[in-house]
Amino acid sequence: MRPFLYGLAAVLAGLLVMFVFIQSANNGHSVTEKLGGLGLILVVGAFALAIYFLPTYLAYRGGDPRKNFAAIAALNFFLGWTILGWVVALVWTLSDEEVDGKSQPGYRVRW
């Protein structure tokens, strides 16, 4: 999952850099003026992506994914933009998981 997220972040950063250079060429502003705004956009965008994919990250948790990880990730990806879809994915991630007829907590703290 991490290589996918790193690749997605690299593609988004590349698209933002291309957008800045195209915009700076079109309206005559210097590139250094635009890069300050680009840094802010990258920081805010990274924070927003981290919050958006929080249910998916919690469902994966350190190499021990939940049984329904793929379904949680799909729900988060496709319906996370609706607040209701994001909340449902988060609640599903944090709820108890039944394995072999025994209930196990959905969120396990690992030290």
N, C-alpha and C. Protein backbone atom coordinates (compact mmCIF):
# COMPACT_ATOMS: atom_id res chain seq x y z
N MET A 1 0.81 -1.19 0.00
CA MET A 1 0.00 0.00 0.00
C MET A 1 0.86 1.26 0.00
N ARG A 2 1.97 1.23 0.74
CA ARG A 2 2.83 2.41 0.80
C ARG A 2 3.42 2.78 -0.55
N PRO A 3 3.93 1.83 -1.36
CA PRO A 3 4.44 2.23 -2.67
C PRO A 3 3.38 2.91 -3.53
N PHE A 4 2.14 2.45 -3.43
CA PHE A 4 1.05 3.08 -4.18
C PHE A 4 0.86 4.52 -3.72
N LEU A 5 0.85 4.75 -2.41
CA LEU A 5 0.65 6.10 -1.89
C LEU A 5 1.82 7.01 -2.23
N TYR A 6 3.05 6.48 -2.19
CA TYR A 6 4.21 7.27 -2.58
C TYR A 6 4.14 7.64 -4.06
N GLY A 7 3.74 6.70 -4.89
CA GLY A 7 3.60 6.97 -6.32
C GLY A 7 2.52 8.01 -6.58
N LEU A 8 1.39 7.87 -5.88
CA LEU A 8 0.31 8.84 -6.04
C LEU A 8 0.76 10.24 -5.62
N ALA A 9 1.50 10.34 -4.52
CA ALA A 9 2.00 11.63 -4.06
C ALA A 9 2.98 12.22 -5.07
N ALA A 10 3.83 11.39 -5.66
CA ALA A 10 4.80 11.88 -6.65
C ALA A 10 4.09 12.39 -7.90
N VAL A 11 3.08 11.67 -8.35
CA VAL A 11 2.33 12.11 -9.54
C VAL A 11 1.62 13.42 -9.26
N LEU A 12 0.98 13.55 -8.10
CA LEU A 12 0.29 14.80 -7.77
C LEU A 12 1.27 15.96 -7.65
N ALA A 13 2.43 15.72 -7.05
CA ALA A 13 3.44 16.78 -6.95
C ALA A 13 3.93 17.19 -8.33
N GLY A 14 4.15 16.22 -9.20
CA GLY A 14 4.58 16.53 -10.56
C GLY A 14 3.54 17.34 -11.32
N LEU A 15 2.28 16.98 -11.18
CA LEU A 15 1.21 17.74 -11.83
C LEU A 15 1.13 19.16 -11.30
N LEU A 16 1.30 19.34 -10.00
CA LEU A 16 1.27 20.68 -9.44
C LEU A 16 2.43 21.53 -9.94
N VAL A 17 3.62 20.94 -10.03
CA VAL A 17 4.78 21.68 -10.54
C VAL A 17 4.56 22.08 -11.99
N MET A 18 4.04 21.15 -12.80
CA MET A 18 3.75 21.49 -14.21
C MET A 18 2.73 22.61 -14.29
N PHE A 19 1.69 22.55 -13.45
CA PHE A 19 0.67 23.59 -13.44
C PHE A 19 1.27 24.95 -13.09
N VAL A 20 2.17 24.99 -12.11
CA VAL A 20 2.79 26.25 -11.70
C VAL A 20 3.62 26.83 -12.83
N PHE A 21 4.41 26.00 -13.50
CA PHE A 21 5.25 26.51 -14.58
C PHE A 21 4.41 26.99 -15.76
N ILE A 22 3.34 26.30 -16.07
CA ILE A 22 2.46 26.73 -17.16
C ILE A 22 1.79 28.04 -16.81
N GLN A 23 1.30 28.17 -15.58
CA GLN A 23 0.64 29.40 -15.16
C GLN A 23 1.62 30.57 -15.10
N SER A 24 2.86 30.32 -14.65
CA SER A 24 3.82 31.41 -14.57
C SER A 24 4.21 31.89 -15.96
N ALA A 25 4.25 30.99 -16.91
CA ALA A 25 4.58 31.39 -18.29
C ALA A 25 3.43 32.18 -18.91
N ASN A 26 2.20 31.86 -18.53
CA ASN A 26 1.04 32.51 -19.13
C ASN A 26 0.78 33.91 -18.59
N ASN A 27 1.03 34.16 -17.31
CA ASN A 27 0.67 35.47 -16.77
C ASN A 27 1.86 36.33 -16.38
N GLY A 28 3.07 35.92 -16.68
CA GLY A 28 4.23 36.77 -16.50
C GLY A 28 4.79 36.83 -15.08
N HIS A 29 4.25 36.11 -14.14
CA HIS A 29 4.80 36.09 -12.78
C HIS A 29 6.07 35.25 -12.77
N SER A 30 6.96 35.57 -11.83
CA SER A 30 8.18 34.78 -11.75
C SER A 30 7.88 33.42 -11.09
N VAL A 31 8.72 32.47 -11.40
CA VAL A 31 8.53 31.11 -10.89
C VAL A 31 8.72 31.09 -9.37
N THR A 32 9.65 31.91 -8.85
CA THR A 32 9.89 31.91 -7.41
C THR A 32 8.68 32.41 -6.63
N GLU A 33 7.93 33.35 -7.21
CA GLU A 33 6.70 33.80 -6.55
C GLU A 33 5.69 32.67 -6.47
N LYS A 34 5.61 31.88 -7.50
CA LYS A 34 4.64 30.79 -7.54
C LYS A 34 5.05 29.62 -6.65
N LEU A 35 6.37 29.39 -6.46
CA LEU A 35 6.81 28.24 -5.68
C LEU A 35 6.45 28.37 -4.20
N GLY A 36 6.36 29.60 -3.68
CA GLY A 36 5.92 29.79 -2.30
C GLY A 36 4.49 29.30 -2.12
N GLY A 37 3.63 29.64 -3.05
CA GLY A 37 2.25 29.15 -3.00
C GLY A 37 2.18 27.66 -3.23
N LEU A 38 3.07 27.13 -4.06
CA LEU A 38 3.09 25.70 -4.33
C LEU A 38 3.45 24.92 -3.08
N GLY A 39 4.39 25.42 -2.28
CA GLY A 39 4.75 24.75 -1.04
C GLY A 39 3.56 24.66 -0.09
N LEU A 40 2.81 25.74 0.02
CA LEU A 40 1.63 25.74 0.86
C LEU A 40 0.59 24.76 0.33
N ILE A 41 0.40 24.73 -0.97
CA ILE A 41 -0.56 23.81 -1.58
C ILE A 41 -0.14 22.37 -1.32
N LEU A 42 1.16 22.07 -1.44
CA LEU A 42 1.63 20.71 -1.20
C LEU A 42 1.43 20.28 0.24
N VAL A 43 1.70 21.16 1.19
CA VAL A 43 1.54 20.82 2.60
C VAL A 43 0.06 20.60 2.93
N VAL A 44 -0.78 21.50 2.50
CA VAL A 44 -2.22 21.37 2.77
C VAL A 44 -2.78 20.15 2.03
N GLY A 45 -2.33 19.91 0.81
CA GLY A 45 -2.80 18.75 0.05
C GLY A 45 -2.37 17.43 0.68
N ALA A 46 -1.14 17.37 1.18
CA ALA A 46 -0.67 16.15 1.84
C ALA A 46 -1.46 15.90 3.11
N PHE A 47 -1.73 16.94 3.87
CA PHE A 47 -2.53 16.80 5.09
C PHE A 47 -3.95 16.34 4.75
N ALA A 48 -4.54 16.92 3.71
CA ALA A 48 -5.90 16.54 3.31
C ALA A 48 -5.95 15.08 2.84
N LEU A 49 -4.94 14.64 2.06
CA LEU A 49 -4.90 13.25 1.63
C LEU A 49 -4.72 12.29 2.80
N ALA A 50 -3.92 12.69 3.79
CA ALA A 50 -3.73 11.84 4.96
C ALA A 50 -5.03 11.67 5.73
N ILE A 51 -5.78 12.75 5.90
CA ILE A 51 -7.07 12.66 6.60
C ILE A 51 -8.06 11.87 5.77
N TYR A 52 -8.07 12.08 4.46
CA TYR A 52 -9.02 11.39 3.57
C TYR A 52 -8.82 9.88 3.63
N PHE A 53 -7.55 9.42 3.60
CA PHE A 53 -7.28 7.99 3.58
C PHE A 53 -7.00 7.41 4.97
N LEU A 54 -7.35 8.12 6.03
CA LEU A 54 -7.16 7.62 7.39
C LEU A 54 -7.87 6.28 7.63
N PRO A 55 -9.14 6.10 7.22
CA PRO A 55 -9.76 4.79 7.43
C PRO A 55 -9.03 3.65 6.72
N THR A 56 -8.53 3.89 5.53
CA THR A 56 -7.80 2.87 4.79
C THR A 56 -6.50 2.53 5.50
N TYR A 57 -5.80 3.55 5.98
CA TYR A 57 -4.55 3.32 6.70
C TYR A 57 -4.79 2.52 7.99
N LEU A 58 -5.82 2.89 8.74
CA LEU A 58 -6.12 2.17 9.97
C LEU A 58 -6.54 0.73 9.70
N ALA A 59 -7.20 0.49 8.57
CA ALA A 59 -7.61 -0.88 8.22
C ALA A 59 -6.39 -1.72 7.85
N TYR A 60 -5.35 -1.10 7.33
CA TYR A 60 -4.15 -1.85 6.92
C TYR A 60 -3.22 -2.11 8.10
N ARG A 61 -2.92 -1.10 8.87
CA ARG A 61 -2.13 -1.15 10.10
C ARG A 61 -0.95 -2.08 10.11
N GLY A 62 0.14 -1.66 9.60
CA GLY A 62 1.42 -2.32 9.77
C GLY A 62 1.53 -3.74 9.26
N GLY A 63 1.04 -4.02 8.09
CA GLY A 63 1.23 -5.33 7.49
C GLY A 63 0.24 -6.38 7.94
N ASP A 64 -0.74 -6.02 8.78
CA ASP A 64 -1.75 -6.97 9.24
C ASP A 64 -3.12 -6.43 8.89
N PRO A 65 -3.49 -6.50 7.59
CA PRO A 65 -4.75 -5.89 7.18
C PRO A 65 -5.97 -6.64 7.71
N ARG A 66 -7.05 -5.92 7.84
CA ARG A 66 -8.32 -6.53 8.23
C ARG A 66 -8.81 -7.44 7.13
N LYS A 67 -9.72 -8.33 7.49
CA LYS A 67 -10.28 -9.27 6.52
C LYS A 67 -11.00 -8.52 5.39
N ASN A 68 -11.65 -7.41 5.71
CA ASN A 68 -12.40 -6.63 4.73
C ASN A 68 -11.63 -5.39 4.26
N PHE A 69 -10.32 -5.49 4.23
CA PHE A 69 -9.50 -4.33 3.88
C PHE A 69 -9.84 -3.78 2.50
N ALA A 70 -9.98 -4.65 1.51
CA ALA A 70 -10.24 -4.19 0.14
C ALA A 70 -11.58 -3.46 0.06
N ALA A 71 -12.58 -3.96 0.75
CA ALA A 71 -13.89 -3.30 0.72
C ALA A 71 -13.83 -1.95 1.43
N ILE A 72 -13.13 -1.88 2.53
CA ILE A 72 -12.99 -0.61 3.25
C ILE A 72 -12.23 0.40 2.40
N ALA A 73 -11.16 -0.04 1.75
CA ALA A 73 -10.37 0.85 0.90
C ALA A 73 -11.20 1.35 -0.29
N ALA A 74 -11.99 0.47 -0.89
CA ALA A 74 -12.83 0.88 -2.02
C ALA A 74 -13.90 1.87 -1.57
N LEU A 75 -14.52 1.61 -0.44
CA LEU A 75 -15.52 2.54 0.08
C LEU A 75 -14.90 3.90 0.37
N ASN A 76 -13.73 3.89 0.99
CA ASN A 76 -13.05 5.14 1.30
C ASN A 76 -12.64 5.89 0.04
N PHE A 77 -12.14 5.16 -0.97
CA PHE A 77 -11.68 5.80 -2.20
C PHE A 77 -12.85 6.40 -3.00
N PHE A 78 -13.92 5.61 -3.17
CA PHE A 78 -15.01 6.05 -4.04
C PHE A 78 -16.05 6.93 -3.35
N LEU A 79 -16.31 6.71 -2.07
CA LEU A 79 -17.35 7.49 -1.39
C LEU A 79 -16.82 8.31 -0.23
N GLY A 80 -15.52 8.35 -0.04
CA GLY A 80 -14.95 9.13 1.05
C GLY A 80 -15.17 10.62 0.90
N TRP A 81 -15.35 11.09 -0.33
CA TRP A 81 -15.56 12.52 -0.54
C TRP A 81 -16.90 12.97 0.03
N THR A 82 -17.85 12.04 0.17
CA THR A 82 -19.07 12.36 0.90
C THR A 82 -18.72 12.13 2.36
N ILE A 83 -19.08 13.01 3.19
CA ILE A 83 -18.74 12.87 4.61
C ILE A 83 -19.30 11.56 5.16
N LEU A 84 -20.49 11.18 4.73
CA LEU A 84 -21.11 9.95 5.21
C LEU A 84 -20.28 8.72 4.83
N GLY A 85 -19.78 8.66 3.61
CA GLY A 85 -18.94 7.54 3.18
C GLY A 85 -17.66 7.43 3.98
N TRP A 86 -17.05 8.57 4.30
CA TRP A 86 -15.82 8.58 5.09
C TRP A 86 -16.09 8.09 6.50
N VAL A 87 -17.19 8.56 7.10
CA VAL A 87 -17.53 8.15 8.47
C VAL A 87 -17.86 6.66 8.51
N VAL A 88 -18.60 6.15 7.52
CA VAL A 88 -18.92 4.72 7.48
C VAL A 88 -17.64 3.90 7.38
N ALA A 89 -16.70 4.31 6.53
CA ALA A 89 -15.43 3.59 6.39
C ALA A 89 -14.65 3.61 7.71
N LEU A 90 -14.65 4.74 8.39
CA LEU A 90 -13.93 4.85 9.66
C LEU A 90 -14.57 3.97 10.74
N VAL A 91 -15.90 4.00 10.82
CA VAL A 91 -16.59 3.17 11.82
C VAL A 91 -16.38 1.69 11.52
N TRP A 92 -16.43 1.32 10.24
CA TRP A 92 -16.21 -0.07 9.85
C TRP A 92 -14.79 -0.52 10.22
N THR A 93 -13.84 0.36 10.03
CA THR A 93 -12.45 0.05 10.37
C THR A 93 -12.28 -0.16 11.88
N LEU A 94 -12.92 0.66 12.67
CA LEU A 94 -12.73 0.61 14.11
C LEU A 94 -13.65 -0.38 14.82
N SER A 95 -14.58 -0.98 14.09
CA SER A 95 -15.51 -1.91 14.72
C SER A 95 -14.85 -3.27 14.93
N ASP A 96 -15.49 -4.10 15.75
CA ASP A 96 -14.98 -5.44 16.03
C ASP A 96 -15.03 -6.30 14.78
N GLU A 97 -14.06 -7.19 14.67
CA GLU A 97 -13.98 -8.10 13.54
C GLU A 97 -14.15 -9.53 14.07
N GLU A 98 -15.04 -10.28 13.45
CA GLU A 98 -15.28 -11.65 13.91
C GLU A 98 -14.41 -12.62 13.11
N VAL A 99 -13.57 -13.37 13.83
CA VAL A 99 -12.69 -14.34 13.20
C VAL A 99 -12.93 -15.68 13.89
N ASP A 100 -13.31 -16.69 13.13
CA ASP A 100 -13.58 -18.02 13.66
C ASP A 100 -14.61 -18.00 14.78
N GLY A 101 -15.65 -17.18 14.63
CA GLY A 101 -16.72 -17.14 15.61
C GLY A 101 -16.40 -16.35 16.87
N LYS A 102 -15.21 -15.76 16.95
CA LYS A 102 -14.82 -14.98 18.12
C LYS A 102 -14.65 -13.52 17.71
N SER A 103 -15.17 -12.65 18.53
CA SER A 103 -15.06 -11.22 18.25
C SER A 103 -13.68 -10.73 18.65
N GLN A 104 -13.06 -10.00 17.75
CA GLN A 104 -11.76 -9.40 18.04
C GLN A 104 -11.89 -7.90 17.83
N PRO A 105 -11.20 -7.11 18.65
CA PRO A 105 -11.32 -5.66 18.49
C PRO A 105 -10.79 -5.22 17.13
N GLY A 106 -11.46 -4.22 16.55
CA GLY A 106 -11.06 -3.72 15.25
C GLY A 106 -9.77 -2.94 15.28
N TYR A 107 -9.50 -2.26 16.36
CA TYR A 107 -8.29 -1.46 16.45
C TYR A 107 -7.39 -2.08 17.51
N ARG A 108 -6.27 -2.62 17.10
CA ARG A 108 -5.32 -3.26 18.00
C ARG A 108 -4.08 -2.37 18.12
N VAL A 109 -3.74 -2.01 19.34
CA VAL A 109 -2.56 -1.18 19.57
C VAL A 109 -1.33 -2.09 19.57
N ARG A 110 -0.34 -1.73 18.78
CA ARG A 110 0.90 -2.51 18.72
C ARG A 110 2.03 -1.65 19.25
N TRP A 111 2.77 -2.17 20.16
CA TRP A 111 3.89 -1.44 20.75
C TRP A 111 5.18 -1.97 20.22
